[in-house]
Amino acid sequence: MKKISTIIIYFLCSSSLFSSSNYQTIEQLAKSLKLFGGTKASVQWEKIFSSQRHLKRYHLEHLDHNTKEQLQHYLIQHAADSKQPIVPGV
């Protein structure tokens, strides 16, 4: 089952839907990957996006460079230590 969901995530992330600079699309991508900015501090998000091991852990290694940058920016902007944190269920 995990392999199927990884394939689905890969397909979704590699599609042109997530390569646009649409801010709403990045928010949807973060939700689909179950990534919420408020669950980590800014420094933690930076560490995740700078480590190949962490990228694999969160299934982000297949995203194109532009999408990774947008997703990182979105998550840091809404990190737990930011002025506008976003946490699941809120």
Protein backbone atom coordinates (compact mmCIF):
# COMPACT_ATOMS: atom_id res chain seq x y z
CA MET A 1 0.00 0.00 0.00
CA LYS A 2 2.85 2.38 0.84
CA LYS A 3 4.40 1.79 -2.58
CA ILE A 4 1.12 2.66 -4.29
CA SER A 5 0.73 5.88 -2.31
CA THR A 6 4.35 6.81 -3.08
CA ILE A 7 3.69 6.28 -6.78
CA ILE A 8 0.53 8.39 -6.60
CA ILE A 9 2.40 11.17 -4.77
CA TYR A 10 5.18 11.00 -7.36
CA PHE A 11 2.66 11.26 -10.19
CA LEU A 12 0.88 14.20 -8.59
CA CYS A 13 4.10 16.02 -7.78
CA SER A 14 5.55 15.53 -11.23
CA SER A 15 2.45 16.77 -13.00
CA SER A 16 2.25 20.30 -14.32
CA LEU A 17 -0.42 21.07 -11.71
CA PHE A 18 2.25 21.49 -9.04
CA SER A 19 4.89 23.20 -11.14
CA SER A 20 2.94 26.43 -11.42
CA SER A 21 3.59 29.33 -9.09
CA ASN A 22 -0.02 29.34 -7.89
CA TYR A 23 0.05 29.82 -4.10
CA GLN A 24 -3.19 27.85 -3.62
CA THR A 25 -1.61 24.90 -5.45
CA ILE A 26 1.37 24.84 -3.08
CA GLU A 27 -1.04 24.86 -0.13
CA GLN A 28 -2.88 21.89 -1.64
CA LEU A 29 0.42 20.09 -2.25
CA ALA A 30 1.47 20.61 1.37
CA LYS A 31 -1.87 19.23 2.60
CA SER A 32 -1.69 16.22 0.28
CA LEU A 33 1.79 15.43 1.63
CA LYS A 34 0.49 15.96 5.18
CA LEU A 35 2.97 18.79 5.78
CA PHE A 36 1.77 21.60 8.02
CA GLY A 37 3.99 24.62 8.65
CA GLY A 38 3.05 24.97 12.31
CA THR A 39 4.32 21.51 13.21
CA LYS A 40 7.97 22.63 12.98
CA ALA A 41 10.04 25.76 13.50
CA SER A 42 11.62 27.61 10.55
CA VAL A 43 15.05 26.13 11.22
CA GLN A 44 13.61 22.62 11.17
CA TRP A 45 11.97 23.19 7.78
CA GLU A 46 15.27 24.54 6.41
CA LYS A 47 17.05 21.43 7.67
CA ILE A 48 14.48 19.15 6.01
CA PHE A 49 14.87 20.83 2.64
CA SER A 50 18.67 20.84 2.82
CA SER A 51 19.04 17.12 3.53
CA GLN A 52 18.53 14.44 0.88
CA ARG A 53 17.71 11.93 3.63
CA HIS A 54 14.94 14.16 5.01
CA LEU A 55 13.60 14.86 1.52
CA LYS A 56 13.21 11.12 0.99
CA ARG A 57 11.58 10.67 4.39
CA TYR A 58 8.88 13.21 3.53
CA HIS A 59 8.60 12.03 -0.12
CA LEU A 60 9.84 15.34 -1.50
CA GLU A 61 12.82 14.10 -3.53
CA HIS A 62 10.81 13.85 -6.77
CA LEU A 63 9.58 17.45 -6.75
CA ASP A 64 11.19 19.80 -9.21
CA HIS A 65 13.49 22.50 -7.84
CA ASN A 66 11.00 25.34 -8.27
CA THR A 67 8.20 23.45 -6.49
CA LYS A 68 10.53 22.53 -3.60
CA GLU A 69 11.49 26.18 -3.18
CA GLN A 70 7.84 27.29 -3.18
CA LEU A 71 6.85 24.56 -0.74
CA GLN A 72 9.76 25.41 1.57
CA HIS A 73 8.84 29.10 1.47
CA TYR A 74 5.19 28.28 2.24
CA LEU A 75 6.07 26.00 5.17
CA ILE A 76 8.58 28.46 6.66
CA GLN A 77 6.13 31.33 6.26
CA HIS A 78 3.62 29.33 8.33
CA ALA A 79 6.11 27.67 10.70
CA ALA A 80 5.44 27.40 14.43
CA ASP A 81 7.75 30.33 15.17
CA SER A 82 6.27 32.59 12.46
CA LYS A 83 3.72 35.38 12.82
CA GLN A 84 1.06 33.30 11.06
CA PRO A 85 1.49 29.60 11.94
CA ILE A 86 -0.81 27.05 10.37
CA VAL A 87 -1.45 23.84 12.28
CA PRO A 88 -3.67 20.90 11.32
CA GLY A 89 -7.25 21.10 12.48
CA VAL A 90 -7.23 24.86 13.06
